[in-house]
C-alpha atoms as a PDB file:
ATOM      1  CA  MET A   1      19.038  28.389  48.676  1.00  0.00           C
ATOM      2  CA  THR A   2      18.094  24.910  47.947  1.00  0.00           C
ATOM      3  CA  SER A   3      15.401  24.160  45.677  1.00  0.00           C
ATOM      4  CA  THR A   4      11.962  22.587  47.145  1.00  0.00           C
ATOM      5  CA  ALA A   5      10.455  19.819  45.800  1.00  0.00           C
ATOM      6  CA  ALA A   6       7.766  22.036  44.104  1.00  0.00           C
ATOM      7  CA  ASP A   7      10.565  23.818  42.569  1.00  0.00           C
ATOM      8  CA  ILE A   8      12.695  20.771  41.195  1.00  0.00           C
ATOM      9  CA  ALA A   9       8.999  19.130  39.989  1.00  0.00           C
ATOM     10  CA  ARG A  10       8.537  22.489  38.047  1.00  0.00           C
ATOM     11  CA  ARG A  11      11.917  22.649  36.387  1.00  0.00           C
ATOM     12  CA  LEU A  12      11.645  18.813  35.192  1.00  0.00           C
ATOM     13  CA  ALA A  13       8.447  19.980  33.858  1.00  0.00           C
ATOM     14  CA  ASP A  14      10.113  22.387  31.784  1.00  0.00           C
ATOM     15  CA  ASN A  15      12.529  19.688  30.583  1.00  0.00           C
ATOM     16  CA  ALA A  16      10.085  17.026  30.328  1.00  0.00           C
ATOM     17  CA  GLU A  17      11.327  15.678  27.068  1.00  0.00           C
ATOM     18  CA  ALA A  18      14.758  15.288  28.335  1.00  0.00           C
ATOM     19  CA  VAL A  19      13.567  13.661  31.428  1.00  0.00           C
ATOM     20  CA  CYS A  20      11.915  10.991  29.650  1.00  0.00           C
ATOM     21  CA  ARG A  21      14.962  10.386  27.036  1.00  0.00           C
ATOM     22  CA  ARG A  22      16.756   9.972  30.462  1.00  0.00           C
ATOM     23  CA  TYR A  23      14.773   7.935  32.290  1.00  0.00           C
ATOM     24  CA  LEU A  24      12.267   6.357  30.174  1.00  0.00           C
ATOM     25  CA  SER A  25      14.401   5.486  27.285  1.00  0.00           C
ATOM     26  CA  ASN A  26      12.413   2.572  26.051  1.00  0.00           C
ATOM     27  CA  GLY A  27       9.661   4.600  25.025  1.00  0.00           C
ATOM     28  CA  ARG A  28       9.281   7.480  22.242  1.00  0.00           C
ATOM     29  CA  ARG A  29       7.816  10.874  21.165  1.00  0.00           C
ATOM     30  CA  GLU A  30       4.355  11.142  19.834  1.00  0.00           C
ATOM     31  CA  GLY A  31       2.985  14.584  19.248  1.00  0.00           C
ATOM     32  CA  HIS A  32       3.088  16.334  22.774  1.00  0.00           C
ATOM     33  CA  TYR A  33       3.643  12.873  24.461  1.00  0.00           C
ATOM     34  CA  TRP A  34       5.908  10.189  25.585  1.00  0.00           C
ATOM     35  CA  MET A  35       4.795   6.951  25.548  1.00  0.00           C
ATOM     36  CA  VAL A  36       6.436   3.891  27.312  1.00  0.00           C
ATOM     37  CA  GLY A  37       5.095   0.840  28.777  1.00  0.00           C
ATOM     38  CA  ASP A  38       5.021   1.702  32.465  1.00  0.00           C
ATOM     39  CA  ILE A  39       7.012   4.090  34.962  1.00  0.00           C
ATOM     40  CA  ARG A  40       9.504   1.314  35.270  1.00  0.00           C
ATOM     41  CA  ASN A  41      10.777   1.820  31.662  1.00  0.00           C
ATOM     42  CA  SER A  42       9.337  -1.237  30.185  1.00  0.00           C
ATOM     43  CA  PRO A  43       8.878  -1.254  26.411  1.00  0.00           C
ATOM     44  CA  GLY A  44       5.615  -0.111  25.320  1.00  0.00           C
ATOM     45  CA  ARG A  45       2.657   2.155  24.996  1.00  0.00           C
ATOM     46  CA  SER A  46       0.692   2.256  27.951  1.00  0.00           C
ATOM     47  CA  LEU A  47       2.054   5.176  29.951  1.00  0.00           C
ATOM     48  CA  TYR A  48       1.854   8.572  28.702  1.00  0.00           C
ATOM     49  CA  VAL A  49       3.749  11.729  29.629  1.00  0.00           C
ATOM     50  CA  ARG A  50       2.401  15.123  28.441  1.00  0.00           C
ATOM     51  CA  LEU A  51       5.657  16.851  27.401  1.00  0.00           C
ATOM     52  CA  SER A  52       4.075  20.297  27.209  1.00  0.00           C
ATOM     53  CA  ALA A  53       1.382  22.313  28.537  1.00  0.00           C
ATOM     54  CA  ARG A  54       0.239  23.931  24.955  1.00  0.00           C
ATOM     55  CA  GLY A  55      -2.809  23.010  23.552  1.00  0.00           C
ATOM     56  CA  GLU A  56      -6.522  22.923  24.215  1.00  0.00           C
ATOM     57  CA  GLY A  57      -8.126  20.236  27.066  1.00  0.00           C
ATOM     58  CA  GLY A  58      -5.475  21.035  29.753  1.00  0.00           C
ATOM     59  CA  GLY A  59      -3.013  19.038  31.415  1.00  0.00           C
ATOM     60  CA  ALA A  60       0.302  20.253  32.988  1.00  0.00           C
ATOM     61  CA  ALA A  61       3.679  19.456  31.227  1.00  0.00           C
ATOM     62  CA  GLY A  62       5.715  16.354  33.108  1.00  0.00           C
ATOM     63  CA  LYS A  63       2.196  14.975  34.525  1.00  0.00           C
ATOM     64  CA  TRP A  64       1.911  11.257  33.465  1.00  0.00           C
ATOM     65  CA  THR A  65      -0.886   8.559  33.351  1.00  0.00           C
ATOM     66  CA  ASP A  66      -0.822   4.826  32.817  1.00  0.00           C
ATOM     67  CA  ALA A  67      -3.742   3.571  31.082  1.00  0.00           C
ATOM     68  CA  ALA A  68      -3.350  -0.076  32.071  1.00  0.00           C
ATOM     69  CA  SER A  69      -3.252   0.573  35.983  1.00  0.00           C
ATOM     70  CA  GLY A  70      -4.786   4.103  36.245  1.00  0.00           C
ATOM     71  CA  ASP A  71      -1.796   5.482  38.047  1.00  0.00           C
ATOM     72  CA  HIS A  72      -0.736   9.027  37.532  1.00  0.00           C
ATOM     73  CA  GLY A  73       2.112  11.444  38.819  1.00  0.00           C
ATOM     74  CA  ASP A  74       5.048  13.594  38.183  1.00  0.00           C
ATOM     75  CA  LEU A  75       8.108  13.131  36.896  1.00  0.00           C
ATOM     76  CA  LEU A  76       9.924  13.159  40.622  1.00  0.00           C
ATOM     77  CA  ASP A  77       7.871   9.653  40.299  1.00  0.00           C
ATOM     78  CA  VAL A  78       9.418   8.672  36.903  1.00  0.00           C
ATOM     79  CA  ILE A  79      12.979   9.291  38.437  1.00  0.00           C
ATOM     80  CA  ALA A  80      12.221   7.635  41.757  1.00  0.00           C
ATOM     81  CA  ALA A  81      10.748   4.334  39.867  1.00  0.00           C
ATOM     82  CA  SER A  82      13.506   4.730  37.066  1.00  0.00           C
ATOM     83  CA  CYS A  83      16.288   4.359  39.823  1.00  0.00           C
ATOM     84  CA  GLY A  84      14.805   2.283  42.201  1.00  0.00           C
ATOM     85  CA  HIS A  85      15.168   4.902  44.977  1.00  0.00           C
ATOM     86  CA  MET A  86      13.940   3.725  48.442  1.00  0.00           C
ATOM     87  CA  GLY A  87      13.661   7.401  49.920  1.00  0.00           C
ATOM     88  CA  PHE A  88      12.703  10.847  48.650  1.00  0.00           C
ATOM     89  CA  ARG A  89      15.564  12.490  49.584  1.00  0.00           C
ATOM     90  CA  GLU A  90      17.751  10.092  46.761  1.00  0.00           C
ATOM     91  CA  THR A  91      15.345  11.226  44.210  1.00  0.00           C
ATOM     92  CA  LEU A  92      15.432  14.669  45.006  1.00  0.00           C
ATOM     93  CA  ASP A  93      19.048  14.551  44.883  1.00  0.00           C
ATOM     94  CA  GLU A  94      19.145  12.705  41.353  1.00  0.00           C
ATOM     95  CA  ALA A  95      16.766  15.049  40.083  1.00  0.00           C
ATOM     96  CA  ARG A  96      19.081  18.011  41.338  1.00  0.00           C
ATOM     97  CA  HIS A  97      21.974  16.448  39.603  1.00  0.00           C
ATOM     98  CA  PHE A  98      20.022  15.976  36.281  1.00  0.00           C
ATOM     99  CA  LEU A  99      19.194  19.669  36.151  1.00  0.00           C
ATOM    100  CA  SER A 100      22.874  20.742  36.754  1.00  0.00           C
ATOM    101  CA  LEU A 101      23.291  19.297  33.355  1.00  0.00           C
ATOM    102  CA  PRO A 102      23.248  21.756  30.365  1.00  0.00           C
ATOM    103  CA  MET A 103      20.105  21.646  28.620  1.00  0.00           C
ATOM    104  CA  PRO A 104      19.552  22.477  24.654  1.00  0.00           C
ATOM    105  CA  ASP A 105      17.337  25.482  24.391  1.00  0.00           C
ATOM    106  CA  PRO A 106      13.789  24.531  23.347  1.00  0.00           C
ATOM    107  CA  SER A 107      13.324  27.736  21.314  1.00  0.00           C
ATOM    108  CA  PRO A 108      16.548  28.633  19.659  1.00  0.00           C
ATOM    109  CA  PRO A 109      16.893  32.547  18.345  1.00  0.00           C
ATOM    110  CA  GLY A 110      16.191  33.771  15.034  1.00  0.00           C
ATOM    111  CA  PRO A 111      14.027  32.988  12.013  1.00  0.00           C
ATOM    112  CA  LYS A 112      13.554  29.210  12.936  1.00  0.00           C
ATOM    113  CA  ALA A 113      12.007  30.117  16.081  1.00  0.00           C
ATOM    114  CA  LYS A 114       8.857  31.224  14.090  1.00  0.00           C
ATOM    115  CA  LYS A 115       8.670  27.947  12.513  1.00  0.00           C
ATOM    116  CA  THR A 116       5.336  25.867  13.470  1.00  0.00           C
ATOM    117  CA  ALA A 117       6.731  23.090  16.176  1.00  0.00           C
ATOM    118  CA  GLN A 118       7.355  19.738  15.359  1.00  0.00           C
ATOM    119  CA  GLY A 119       4.148  17.664  16.194  1.00  0.00           C
ATOM    120  CA  SER A 120       1.722  21.178  16.518  1.00  0.00           C
ATOM    121  CA  ARG A 121      -1.677  21.085  15.492  1.00  0.00           C
ATOM    122  CA  GLU A 122      -0.952  23.507  12.732  1.00  0.00           C
ATOM    123  CA  ALA A 123       1.711  20.975  11.415  1.00  0.00           C
ATOM    124  CA  ALA A 124      -1.085  18.631  11.494  1.00  0.00           C
ATOM    125  CA  ARG A 125      -3.369  20.908   9.639  1.00  0.00           C
ATOM    126  CA  ARG A 126      -0.873  21.583   6.753  1.00  0.00           C
ATOM    127  CA  LEU A 127      -0.321  18.013   6.254  1.00  0.00           C
ATOM    128  CA  TRP A 128      -4.065  16.975   6.078  1.00  0.00           C
ATOM    129  CA  ALA A 129      -4.499  19.874   3.937  1.00  0.00           C
ATOM    130  CA  GLY A 130      -1.589  19.066   1.413  1.00  0.00           C
ATOM    131  CA  SER A 131      -3.140  15.464   1.454  1.00  0.00           C
ATOM    132  CA  ARG A 132      -5.570  14.544  -1.496  1.00  0.00           C
ATOM    133  CA  PRO A 133      -8.646  12.175  -1.558  1.00  0.00           C
ATOM    134  CA  MET A 134      -7.807   8.330  -1.388  1.00  0.00           C
ATOM    135  CA  ALA A 135     -10.253   7.280  -4.419  1.00  0.00           C
ATOM    136  CA  GLY A 136      -7.808   5.565  -6.572  1.00  0.00           C
ATOM    137  CA  THR A 137      -4.663   5.786  -4.574  1.00  0.00           C
ATOM    138  CA  LEU A 138      -2.337   3.096  -2.578  1.00  0.00           C
ATOM    139  CA  VAL A 139      -4.891   4.019   0.608  1.00  0.00           C
ATOM    140  CA  ARG A 140      -7.779   2.388  -1.039  1.00  0.00           C
ATOM    141  CA  PHE A 141      -5.565  -0.465  -2.472  1.00  0.00           C
ATOM    142  CA  TYR A 142      -4.142  -1.169   1.071  1.00  0.00           C
ATOM    143  CA  LEU A 143      -7.557  -1.161   2.944  1.00  0.00           C
ATOM    144  CA  ASN A 144      -9.036  -3.532  -0.024  1.00  0.00           C
ATOM    145  CA  ALA A 145      -6.328  -5.982   0.605  1.00  0.00           C
ATOM    146  CA  ARG A 146      -7.318  -5.979   4.158  1.00  0.00           C
ATOM    147  CA  LYS A 147     -10.895  -6.842   2.928  1.00  0.00           C
ATOM    148  CA  ILE A 148     -12.196  -3.525   4.061  1.00  0.00           C
ATOM    149  CA  ILE A 149     -14.478  -2.435   1.208  1.00  0.00           C
ATOM    150  CA  ASP A 150     -17.072  -0.196   2.467  1.00  0.00           C
ATOM    151  CA  LEU A 151     -14.925   3.213   1.980  1.00  0.00           C
ATOM    152  CA  ARG A 152     -17.063   6.224   2.029  1.00  0.00           C
ATOM    153  CA  ALA A 153     -16.428   9.859   0.362  1.00  0.00           C
ATOM    154  CA  GLY A 154     -16.936  11.373   4.078  1.00  0.00           C
ATOM    155  CA  ASP A 155     -14.181   9.431   5.839  1.00  0.00           C
ATOM    156  CA  PRO A 156     -11.430  11.221   7.281  1.00  0.00           C
ATOM    157  CA  LEU A 157      -8.967   9.458   5.348  1.00  0.00           C
ATOM    158  CA  ARG A 158      -6.557  10.950   2.558  1.00  0.00           C
ATOM    159  CA  PHE A 159      -3.763  10.210   0.722  1.00  0.00           C
ATOM    160  CA  HIS A 160      -0.090  11.555   0.444  1.00  0.00           C
ATOM    161  CA  PRO A 161       2.054  10.615  -2.148  1.00  0.00           C
ATOM    162  CA  HIS A 162       5.532  11.663  -0.378  1.00  0.00           C
ATOM    163  CA  CYS A 163       4.948  11.912   3.318  1.00  0.00           C
ATOM    164  CA  PHE A 164       8.309  12.848   5.247  1.00  0.00           C
ATOM    165  CA  TYR A 165       9.668   9.921   7.459  1.00  0.00           C
ATOM    166  CA  ARG A 166      11.842  10.710  10.226  1.00  0.00           C
ATOM    167  CA  PRO A 167      14.050   7.459  10.907  1.00  0.00           C
ATOM    168  CA  SER A 168      14.461   6.104  14.662  1.00  0.00           C
ATOM    169  CA  GLY A 169      17.426   4.396  15.882  1.00  0.00           C
ATOM    170  CA  GLU A 170      15.916   0.914  14.764  1.00  0.00           C
ATOM    171  CA  ASP A 171      15.729   1.631  11.441  1.00  0.00           C
ATOM    172  CA  GLU A 172      18.270   0.649   8.780  1.00  0.00           C
ATOM    173  CA  PRO A 173      20.558   3.682   7.675  1.00  0.00           C
ATOM    174  CA  GLY A 174      19.972   4.859   4.259  1.00  0.00           C
ATOM    175  CA  GLY A 175      16.194   4.430   3.741  1.00  0.00           C
ATOM    176  CA  PRO A 176      14.060   6.472   1.573  1.00  0.00           C
ATOM    177  CA  PRO A 177      13.510   9.867   3.485  1.00  0.00           C
ATOM    178  CA  ALA A 178       9.715   9.712   2.317  1.00  0.00           C
ATOM    179  CA  TRP A 179       6.701   7.169   1.343  1.00  0.00           C
ATOM    180  CA  PRO A 180       3.347   7.336   0.433  1.00  0.00           C
ATOM    181  CA  ALA A 181       0.906   7.333   3.535  1.00  0.00           C
ATOM    182  CA  MET A 182      -2.641   7.143   4.459  1.00  0.00           C
ATOM    183  CA  ILE A 183      -3.359  10.386   6.207  1.00  0.00           C
ATOM    184  CA  ALA A 184      -6.414   9.990   8.825  1.00  0.00           C
ATOM    185  CA  ALA A 185      -7.362  13.224  10.610  1.00  0.00           C
ATOM    186  CA  VAL A 186      -7.947  13.350  14.239  1.00  0.00           C
ATOM    187  CA  THR A 187     -10.880  15.460  15.342  1.00  0.00           C
ATOM    188  CA  SER A 188     -12.545  17.025  18.198  1.00  0.00           C
ATOM    189  CA  GLU A 189     -16.460  16.317  18.387  1.00  0.00           C
ATOM    190  CA  ASP A 190     -17.184  19.780  16.548  1.00  0.00           C
ATOM    191  CA  GLY A 191     -15.035  18.663  14.231  1.00  0.00           C
ATOM    192  CA  ARG A 192     -12.009  20.583  14.288  1.00  0.00           C
ATOM    193  CA  VAL A 193      -8.867  18.861  12.976  1.00  0.00           C
ATOM    194  CA  THR A 194      -6.498  18.542  15.976  1.00  0.00           C
ATOM    195  CA  GLY A 195      -3.978  15.893  14.772  1.00  0.00           C
ATOM    196  CA  VAL A 196      -3.094  13.415  11.956  1.00  0.00           C
ATOM    197  CA  HIS A 197      -2.343   9.945  11.890  1.00  0.00           C
ATOM    198  CA  ARG A 198       0.319   8.557   9.399  1.00  0.00           C
ATOM    199  CA  THR A 199       0.595   5.377   8.360  1.00  0.00           C
ATOM    200  CA  TRP A 200       3.585   4.652   5.656  1.00  0.00           C
ATOM    201  CA  LEU A 201       2.674   2.384   2.699  1.00  0.00           C
ATOM    202  CA  ASP A 202       4.858   0.493   0.383  1.00  0.00           C
ATOM    203  CA  PRO A 203       3.745   0.994  -3.443  1.00  0.00           C
ATOM    204  CA  ALA A 204       5.766  -2.377  -4.086  1.00  0.00           C
ATOM    205  CA  THR A 205       3.414  -4.920  -1.784  1.00  0.00           C
ATOM    206  CA  THR A 206       0.323  -2.521  -1.073  1.00  0.00           C
ATOM    207  CA  ASP A 207       0.973  -2.945   2.714  1.00  0.00           C
ATOM    208  CA  LYS A 208       2.609  -0.884   5.170  1.00  0.00           C
ATOM    209  CA  ALA A 209       6.318   0.404   4.495  1.00  0.00           C
ATOM    210  CA  PRO A 210       9.078  -1.723   5.774  1.00  0.00           C
ATOM    211  CA  VAL A 211      10.162   0.697   8.636  1.00  0.00           C
ATOM    212  CA  ALA A 212      10.788   0.153  12.197  1.00  0.00           C
ATOM    213  CA  TYR A 213       7.373   2.521  13.133  1.00  0.00           C
ATOM    214  CA  PRO A 214       4.906   2.769  10.264  1.00  0.00           C
ATOM    215  CA  ARG A 215       2.357   4.473  12.170  1.00  0.00           C
ATOM    216  CA  ARG A 216       2.965   7.559  14.013  1.00  0.00           C
ATOM    217  CA  ALA A 217       0.539  10.418  14.775  1.00  0.00           C
ATOM    218  CA  ILE A 218       0.996  14.464  15.435  1.00  0.00           C
ATOM    219  CA  GLY A 219      -0.774  17.336  16.746  1.00  0.00           C
ATOM    220  CA  PHE A 220      -3.106  17.287  20.037  1.00  0.00           C
ATOM    221  CA  LEU A 221      -4.459  13.878  20.287  1.00  0.00           C
ATOM    222  CA  LEU A 222      -5.891  13.797  23.866  1.00  0.00           C
ATOM    223  CA  GLY A 223      -9.510  13.105  23.850  1.00  0.00           C
ATOM    224  CA  HIS A 224      -9.906  13.027  20.521  1.00  0.00           C
ATOM    225  CA  GLY A 225      -9.972  10.533  17.707  1.00  0.00           C
ATOM    226  CA  VAL A 226     -10.475   9.313  14.173  1.00  0.00           C
ATOM    227  CA  ARG A 227     -14.371   9.735  13.562  1.00  0.00           C
ATOM    228  CA  PHE A 228     -15.989   7.513  11.303  1.00  0.00           C
ATOM    229  CA  GLY A 229     -19.729   9.113  11.446  1.00  0.00           C
ATOM    230  CA  PRO A 230     -21.493  11.413  13.403  1.00  0.00           C
ATOM    231  CA  ALA A 231     -21.927  11.154  17.398  1.00  0.00           C
ATOM    232  CA  ALA A 232     -24.749   9.302  18.370  1.00  0.00           C
ATOM    233  CA  PRO A 233     -26.225   7.423  21.456  1.00  0.00           C
ATOM    234  CA  ILE A 234     -24.693   4.053  20.396  1.00  0.00           C
ATOM    235  CA  MET A 235     -20.866   3.880  19.164  1.00  0.00           C
ATOM    236  CA  ALA A 236     -17.955   2.000  18.872  1.00  0.00           C
ATOM    237  CA  ALA A 237     -14.156   3.029  20.062  1.00  0.00           C
ATOM    238  CA  GLY A 238     -10.971   1.011  19.496  1.00  0.00           C
ATOM    239  CA  GLU A 239      -7.597   1.618  19.137  1.00  0.00           C
ATOM    240  CA  GLY A 240      -6.709   1.131  15.434  1.00  0.00           C
ATOM    241  CA  ILE A 241      -8.316   2.760  11.992  1.00  0.00           C
ATOM    242  CA  GLU A 242      -8.187  -0.789  10.204  1.00  0.00           C
ATOM    243  CA  THR A 243      -9.904  -2.166  13.587  1.00  0.00           C
ATOM    244  CA  LEU A 244     -13.044   0.133  12.989  1.00  0.00           C
ATOM    245  CA  LEU A 245     -13.176  -0.320   9.376  1.00  0.00           C
ATOM    246  CA  SER A 246     -13.295  -3.965  10.165  1.00  0.00           C
ATOM    247  CA  LEU A 247     -16.336  -3.569  11.965  1.00  0.00           C
ATOM    248  CA  ARG A 248     -17.783  -1.379   9.913  1.00  0.00           C
ATOM    249  CA  GLU A 249     -17.997  -3.858   7.467  1.00  0.00           C
ATOM    250  CA  PRO A 250     -21.081  -5.806   9.028  1.00  0.00           C
ATOM    251  CA  MET A 251     -22.090  -2.865  11.161  1.00  0.00           C
ATOM    252  CA  THR A 252     -22.503  -0.450   8.356  1.00  0.00           C
ATOM    253  CA  ALA A 253     -24.732   2.204  10.458  1.00  0.00           C
ATOM    254  CA  MET A 254     -22.534   2.245  13.387  1.00  0.00           C
ATOM    255  CA  SER A 255     -20.503   5.460  14.303  1.00  0.00           C
ATOM    256  CA  MET A 256     -17.002   4.825  15.433  1.00  0.00           C
ATOM    257  CA  ILE A 257     -13.832   6.374  16.982  1.00  0.00           C
ATOM    258  CA  ALA A 258     -10.325   5.217  16.715  1.00  0.00           C
ATOM    259  CA  GLY A 259      -8.288   6.482  19.318  1.00  0.00           C
ATOM    260  CA  LEU A 260      -5.234   5.283  18.089  1.00  0.00           C
ATOM    261  CA  SER A 261      -3.388   4.020  20.985  1.00  0.00           C
ATOM    262  CA  ALA A 262      -4.525   2.210  24.344  1.00  0.00           C
ATOM    263  CA  ALA A 263      -3.543   5.491  26.318  1.00  0.00           C
ATOM    264  CA  HIS A 264      -5.569   7.734  24.143  1.00  0.00           C
ATOM    265  CA  LEU A 265      -8.461   5.323  23.645  1.00  0.00           C
ATOM    266  CA  ALA A 266      -9.084   5.489  27.259  1.00  0.00           C
ATOM    267  CA  ALA A 267      -8.905   9.288  27.435  1.00  0.00           C
ATOM    268  CA  ILE A 268     -11.438   9.664  24.551  1.00  0.00           C
ATOM    269  CA  GLU A 269     -13.971  12.312  25.486  1.00  0.00           C
ATOM    270  CA  PHE A 270     -17.516  11.105  25.627  1.00  0.00           C
ATOM    271  CA  PRO A 271     -19.806  12.509  23.086  1.00  0.00           C
ATOM    272  CA  SER A 272     -22.725  14.098  24.910  1.00  0.00           C
ATOM    273  CA  ALA A 273     -25.013  12.248  23.273  1.00  0.00           C
ATOM    274  CA  LEU A 274     -23.625   8.812  23.902  1.00  0.00           C
ATOM    275  CA  ARG A 275     -25.426   6.399  26.224  1.00  0.00           C
ATOM    276  CA  ARG A 276     -23.775   2.971  25.219  1.00  0.00           C
ATOM    277  CA  LEU A 277     -20.186   2.388  23.845  1.00  0.00           C
ATOM    278  CA  TYR A 278     -18.977  -0.749  22.437  1.00  0.00           C
ATOM    279  CA  VAL A 279     -14.953  -1.099  23.043  1.00  0.00           C
ATOM    280  CA  ALA A 280     -13.263  -3.291  20.324  1.00  0.00           C
ATOM    281  CA  ARG A 281     -10.381  -4.259  22.688  1.00  0.00           C
ATOM    282  CA  ASP A 282      -6.972  -5.424  22.050  1.00  0.00           C
ATOM    283  CA  ASP A 283      -6.165  -8.467  23.552  1.00  0.00           C
ATOM    284  CA  ASP A 284      -3.128  -7.302  25.469  1.00  0.00           C
ATOM    285  CA  PRO A 285      -2.658  -5.803  28.977  1.00  0.00           C
ATOM    286  CA  ALA A 286      -2.674  -2.335  27.398  1.00  0.00           C
ATOM    287  CA  GLY A 287      -6.145  -3.108  25.914  1.00  0.00           C
ATOM    288  CA  ALA A 288      -7.317  -4.546  29.068  1.00  0.00           C
ATOM    289  CA  GLY A 289      -6.359  -1.394  30.961  1.00  0.00           C
ATOM    290  CA  ALA A 290      -8.128   0.983  28.519  1.00  0.00           C
ATOM    291  CA  LEU A 291     -11.351  -1.102  28.887  1.00  0.00           C
ATOM    292  CA  ALA A 292     -11.265  -1.223  32.444  1.00  0.00           C
ATOM    293  CA  THR A 293     -10.761   2.774  32.537  1.00  0.00           C
ATOM    294  CA  LEU A 294     -13.550   3.299  29.738  1.00  0.00           C
ATOM    295  CA  THR A 295     -15.843   1.197  32.211  1.00  0.00           C
ATOM    296  CA  GLU A 296     -14.753   3.232  35.207  1.00  0.00           C
ATOM    297  CA  ARG A 297     -15.180   6.507  33.273  1.00  0.00           C
ATOM    298  CA  GLY A 298     -18.670   5.539  31.587  1.00  0.00           C
ATOM    299  CA  ALA A 299     -20.337   4.515  35.226  1.00  0.00           C
ATOM    300  CA  GLY A 300     -19.546   7.896  36.262  1.00  0.00           C
ATOM    301  CA  ALA A 301     -21.194   9.526  33.277  1.00  0.00           C
ATOM    302  CA  GLY A 302     -24.270   7.071  32.884  1.00  0.00           C
ATOM    303  CA  ILE A 303     -22.859   5.109  29.969  1.00  0.00           C
ATOM    304  CA  GLU A 304     -22.848   1.763  29.260  1.00  0.00           C
ATOM    305  CA  VAL A 305     -19.572  -0.142  28.098  1.00  0.00           C
ATOM    306  CA  VAL A 306     -19.653  -3.062  26.222  1.00  0.00           C
ATOM    307  CA  PRO A 307     -16.517  -5.093  25.285  1.00  0.00           C
ATOM    308  CA  LEU A 308     -16.123  -6.668  21.888  1.00  0.00           C
ATOM    309  CA  GLU A 309     -13.749  -9.516  21.579  1.00  0.00           C
ATOM    310  CA  PRO A 310     -12.383 -10.862  18.293  1.00  0.00           C
ATOM    311  CA  GLU A 311     -11.689 -14.486  17.811  1.00  0.00           C
ATOM    312  CA  ARG A 312      -8.378 -14.412  15.764  1.00  0.00           C
ATOM    313  CA  GLY A 313      -6.761 -11.998  17.898  1.00  0.00           C
ATOM    314  CA  ASP A 314      -8.088  -8.773  16.188  1.00  0.00           C
ATOM    315  CA  PHE A 315     -11.129  -7.829  14.161  1.00  0.00           C
ATOM    316  CA  ASN A 316      -9.343  -7.255  10.812  1.00  0.00           C
ATOM    317  CA  ALA A 317      -8.022 -10.900  11.294  1.00  0.00           C
ATOM    318  CA  ASP A 318     -11.484 -12.289  11.985  1.00  0.00           C
ATOM    319  CA  LEU A 319     -12.575 -10.269   8.729  1.00  0.00           C
ATOM    320  CA  VAL A 320      -9.984 -11.595   6.533  1.00  0.00           C
ATOM    321  CA  LEU A 321      -9.846 -15.106   7.514  1.00  0.00           C
ATOM    322  CA  LEU A 322     -13.122 -15.712   8.574  1.00  0.00           C
ATOM    323  CA  GLY A 323     -15.391 -13.612   6.138  1.00  0.00           C
ATOM    324  CA  ARG A 324     -17.754 -10.869   6.875  1.00  0.00           C
ATOM    325  CA  ASP A 325     -20.698 -13.120   7.861  1.00  0.00           C
ATOM    326  CA  CYS A 326     -18.724 -14.655  10.160  1.00  0.00           C
ATOM    327  CA  LEU A 327     -17.498 -11.765  11.797  1.00  0.00           C
ATOM    328  CA  ALA A 328     -21.142 -10.243  12.094  1.00  0.00           C
ATOM    329  CA  ARG A 329     -22.316 -13.506  13.343  1.00  0.00           C
ATOM    330  CA  SER A 330     -19.706 -13.206  16.434  1.00  0.00           C
ATOM    331  CA  LEU A 331     -20.493  -9.587  16.606  1.00  0.00           C
ATOM    332  CA  SER A 332     -24.286 -10.574  17.015  1.00  0.00           C
ATOM    333  CA  ARG A 333     -23.185 -12.774  20.254  1.00  0.00           C
ATOM    334  CA  GLN A 334     -21.872  -9.558  21.903  1.00  0.00           C
ATOM    335  CA  LEU A 335     -23.995  -6.660  21.071  1.00  0.00           C
ATOM    336  CA  HIS A 336     -27.153  -5.884  23.405  1.00  0.00           C
ATOM    337  CA  PRO A 337     -30.496  -7.269  21.879  1.00  0.00           C
ATOM    338  CA  SER A 338     -31.931  -4.067  21.015  1.00  0.00           C
ATOM    339  CA  ASP A 339     -28.820  -3.425  18.603  1.00  0.00           C
ATOM    340  CA  ARG A 340     -28.802  -6.657  16.729  1.00  0.00           C
ATOM    341  CA  HIS A 341     -31.387  -5.508  14.271  1.00  0.00           C
ATOM    342  CA  ARG A 342     -30.597  -2.071  14.105  1.00  0.00           C
ATOM    343  CA  PHE A 343     -27.011  -2.149  13.193  1.00  0.00           C
ATOM    344  CA  LEU A 344     -26.112  -5.748  11.927  1.00  0.00           C
END
């Protein structure tokens, strides 16, 4: 009997990663998501596809969202856009052809089936537990070199001296299997570790390691982030850890959340106490899309969303090139009048 469109969509969702590798080949896996530029397979990180239904927070496997445009759909949409189909019948025929191919067993039998799945929250928690405080380590030297000095004992940052790096097709062969790394805890609002973000570092330069992707995250990220300070009525959010730590140099009392990518920034869960959110946006289409999504979501939740714009492309560049005082003056012009004296 011929499969219905709903049956085909369910089967595609069961093999979501294989579908993404075929039809969104310019993307890559990050934790439980496939990240790519858009549904037409452009390079980038704006669109994310959920690869499994495991974990908290809901969301079905195979569903995708484009943070830049706000569009969303399922894997049949992905196949249609990737192949340039003019009609739905073409898409169903292509999907049936794809599904007839042999698929690797995602849960091989035997003892290995009991191991923690790659990218899971359990693996993230083990990596966090196996890391050590950053004081006196390469993490502090790396951040200090970026003029980030205000580092605190309660910050969700640790150091791992030998963190495994899985090379991609863009890496040169024969590289080291592991590098030192800055490990950042991704947490829910109640403080549970749901994932970690890794920044691999080079001891010879105290900069990022010379690999194709020196930043990667694992675990359950959607809605969560790297949190600097407790939930509060007024907070800041942005993509990168270094971006927010740069903002904290002059704004020492403001709590902040790093979403780690434009897509995840757009999807952060608003703390219940939040009333005003400053968004340190990146100057690119994905950053603009994340800001637009947060503004729309904030309007529905009674939260004012205010953009913060850097002068030199990003806030760490402002801190390094212009200095803390110039960064403070730039932020003063953008903060709500009632927040200037409180946070600067």
